[in-house]
Structure formats: structure tokens, C-alpha cells
Protein backbone atom coordinates (compact mmCIF):
# COMPACT_ATOMS: atom_id res chain seq x y z
CA UNK A 1 -44.41 -8.39 71.83
CA UNK A 2 -47.24 -9.66 69.67
CA UNK A 3 -47.29 -9.78 65.88
CA UNK A 4 -50.31 -9.68 63.59
CA UNK A 5 -49.11 -11.23 60.33
CA UNK A 6 -51.13 -10.99 57.12
CA UNK A 7 -49.99 -13.10 54.18
CA UNK A 8 -51.24 -12.00 50.77
CA UNK A 9 -51.16 -13.59 47.34
CA UNK A 10 -51.54 -10.95 44.62
CA UNK A 11 -52.03 -11.52 40.90
CA UNK A 12 -49.32 -9.91 38.78
CA UNK A 13 -51.88 -7.80 36.88
CA UNK A 14 -52.63 -5.71 39.98
CA UNK A 15 -49.34 -6.05 41.88
CA UNK A 16 -47.99 -2.53 41.27
CA UNK A 17 -51.32 -0.87 42.14
CA UNK A 18 -51.72 -3.15 45.17
CA UNK A 19 -48.24 -2.38 46.53
CA UNK A 20 -48.81 1.35 46.12
CA UNK A 21 -52.11 1.09 48.00
CA UNK A 22 -50.51 -1.02 50.73
CA UNK A 23 -47.69 1.47 51.31
CA UNK A 24 -49.71 4.69 51.05
CA UNK A 25 -53.10 3.76 52.48
CA UNK A 26 -53.38 0.32 54.09
CA UNK A 27 -50.36 0.42 56.41
CA UNK A 28 -50.97 4.02 57.58
CA UNK A 29 -54.60 3.10 58.39
CA UNK A 30 -53.46 0.02 60.32
CA UNK A 31 -50.98 2.08 62.36
CA UNK A 32 -53.27 5.09 62.85
CA UNK A 33 -54.93 3.84 66.05
CA UNK A 34 -51.61 3.70 67.89
CA UNK A 35 -52.37 0.16 69.07
CA UNK A 36 -49.98 -1.30 66.51
CA UNK A 37 -46.47 0.13 66.81
CA UNK A 38 -44.69 -0.77 63.58
CA UNK A 39 -44.94 -2.75 60.37
CA UNK A 40 -42.59 -4.87 58.29
CA UNK A 41 -43.45 -5.69 54.68
CA UNK A 42 -41.69 -8.60 52.98
CA UNK A 43 -41.97 -10.30 49.62
CA UNK A 44 -42.04 -14.07 49.99
CA UNK A 45 -39.24 -15.52 47.90
CA UNK A 46 -41.17 -18.15 45.95
CA UNK A 47 -41.69 -18.18 42.19
CA UNK A 48 -45.39 -18.38 41.46
CA UNK A 49 -46.84 -18.37 37.97
CA UNK A 50 -49.98 -16.35 38.68
CA UNK A 51 -48.78 -13.88 41.27
CA UNK A 52 -46.53 -13.05 44.17
CA UNK A 53 -46.91 -13.43 47.91
CA UNK A 54 -46.21 -10.87 50.60
CA UNK A 55 -46.15 -10.84 54.37
CA UNK A 56 -46.97 -7.74 56.36
CA UNK A 57 -46.25 -7.96 60.07
CA UNK A 58 -47.64 -5.47 62.57
CA UNK A 59 -46.20 -5.32 66.10
CA UNK A 60 -48.21 -4.64 69.25
CA UNK A 61 -46.75 -4.13 72.71
CA UNK A 62 -49.14 -6.55 74.38
CA UNK A 63 -51.99 -8.96 73.74
CA UNK A 64 -54.63 -6.54 75.04
CA UNK A 65 -53.63 -3.89 72.47
CA UNK A 66 -53.69 -6.46 69.66
CA UNK A 67 -57.10 -7.78 70.73
CA UNK A 68 -58.50 -4.26 70.96
CA UNK A 69 -57.17 -3.45 67.49
CA UNK A 70 -58.67 -6.62 66.00
CA UNK A 71 -62.03 -6.10 67.72
CA UNK A 72 -62.44 -2.39 66.96
CA UNK A 73 -60.23 -1.32 64.06
CA UNK A 74 -59.23 -4.17 61.78
CA UNK A 75 -62.30 -5.29 59.86
CA UNK A 76 -63.28 -2.02 58.14
CA UNK A 77 -59.67 -1.62 56.94
CA UNK A 78 -59.45 -5.20 55.65
CA UNK A 79 -62.91 -4.96 54.10
CA UNK A 80 -61.89 -1.86 52.13
CA UNK A 81 -58.80 -3.69 50.86
CA UNK A 82 -60.86 -6.76 49.99
CA UNK A 83 -63.45 -4.74 48.08
CA UNK A 84 -60.76 -2.92 46.11
CA UNK A 85 -58.65 -5.93 45.04
CA UNK A 86 -60.66 -9.14 45.38
CA UNK A 87 -60.74 -11.64 43.64
CA UNK A 88 -57.20 -10.92 42.38
CA UNK A 89 -55.87 -10.88 45.94
CA UNK A 90 -56.37 -13.38 48.73
CA UNK A 91 -55.02 -13.29 52.26
CA UNK A 92 -54.98 -14.97 55.63
CA UNK A 93 -53.89 -13.69 59.02
CA UNK A 94 -51.97 -15.18 61.92
CA UNK A 95 -51.46 -13.88 65.45
CA UNK A 96 -47.97 -14.52 66.85
CA UNK A 97 -46.61 -14.27 70.39
CA UNK A 98 -42.89 -13.46 70.20
CA UNK A 99 -41.11 -15.65 72.74
CA UNK A 100 -37.52 -14.65 71.97
CA UNK A 101 -35.73 -12.02 69.95
CA UNK A 102 -31.96 -11.87 69.56
CA UNK A 103 -29.56 -9.71 67.63
CA UNK A 104 -29.89 -6.15 66.45
């Protein structure tokens, strides 16, 4: 399994609007191609004066699906998000190769 993790820092003044957009528009668009199988959204448990941080992880079955998604689907979706919320939101992405998973 491969994970595409996006970590966001969001200013408090737009946090509610941003979260609503993430849940109702961003995540469905990311999953729409079928190349990404699921998502997990988490709030990072750190007190920050200016805003809060979130991690959204998208799972792909294999590296080829993840690469295809990144090459053909990702950038218009991220660009729309960036145009809507920048400069009050910043993000970076990380690709992860899951080497072990235990438990339920």
C-alpha cells in the first residue's frame, strides 16, 4: 500500500470554511478517479498560535496507481485549493510506502 500524505497549516480565521471545503469538495475530488482508495483526515495535536495543522492521507493500492494519480489528476485539484485559501493555508506532501501494518 502507498500513502500520499498532505500536511496543511491553516489560519484560524478560515479553519471552519477550509474544513468544510476539504470534507465536501477536496476529498471527493481526490477519490473520484478511483486511483486512490480511501482517505484519513487527522488534526495534528500541537498548539499553534496562528492556526492549526492537519494531515490528510490517501491510500493507493500500488505505486503505479499513485504515480498515475499524481501525474494526471493531482495538480488541478491542489491548484484549486491553493487559489481558494492561499496565503492563509500552506501545505506540503509526502509519498509513503507502507512496509508493515498490524492490528485492526
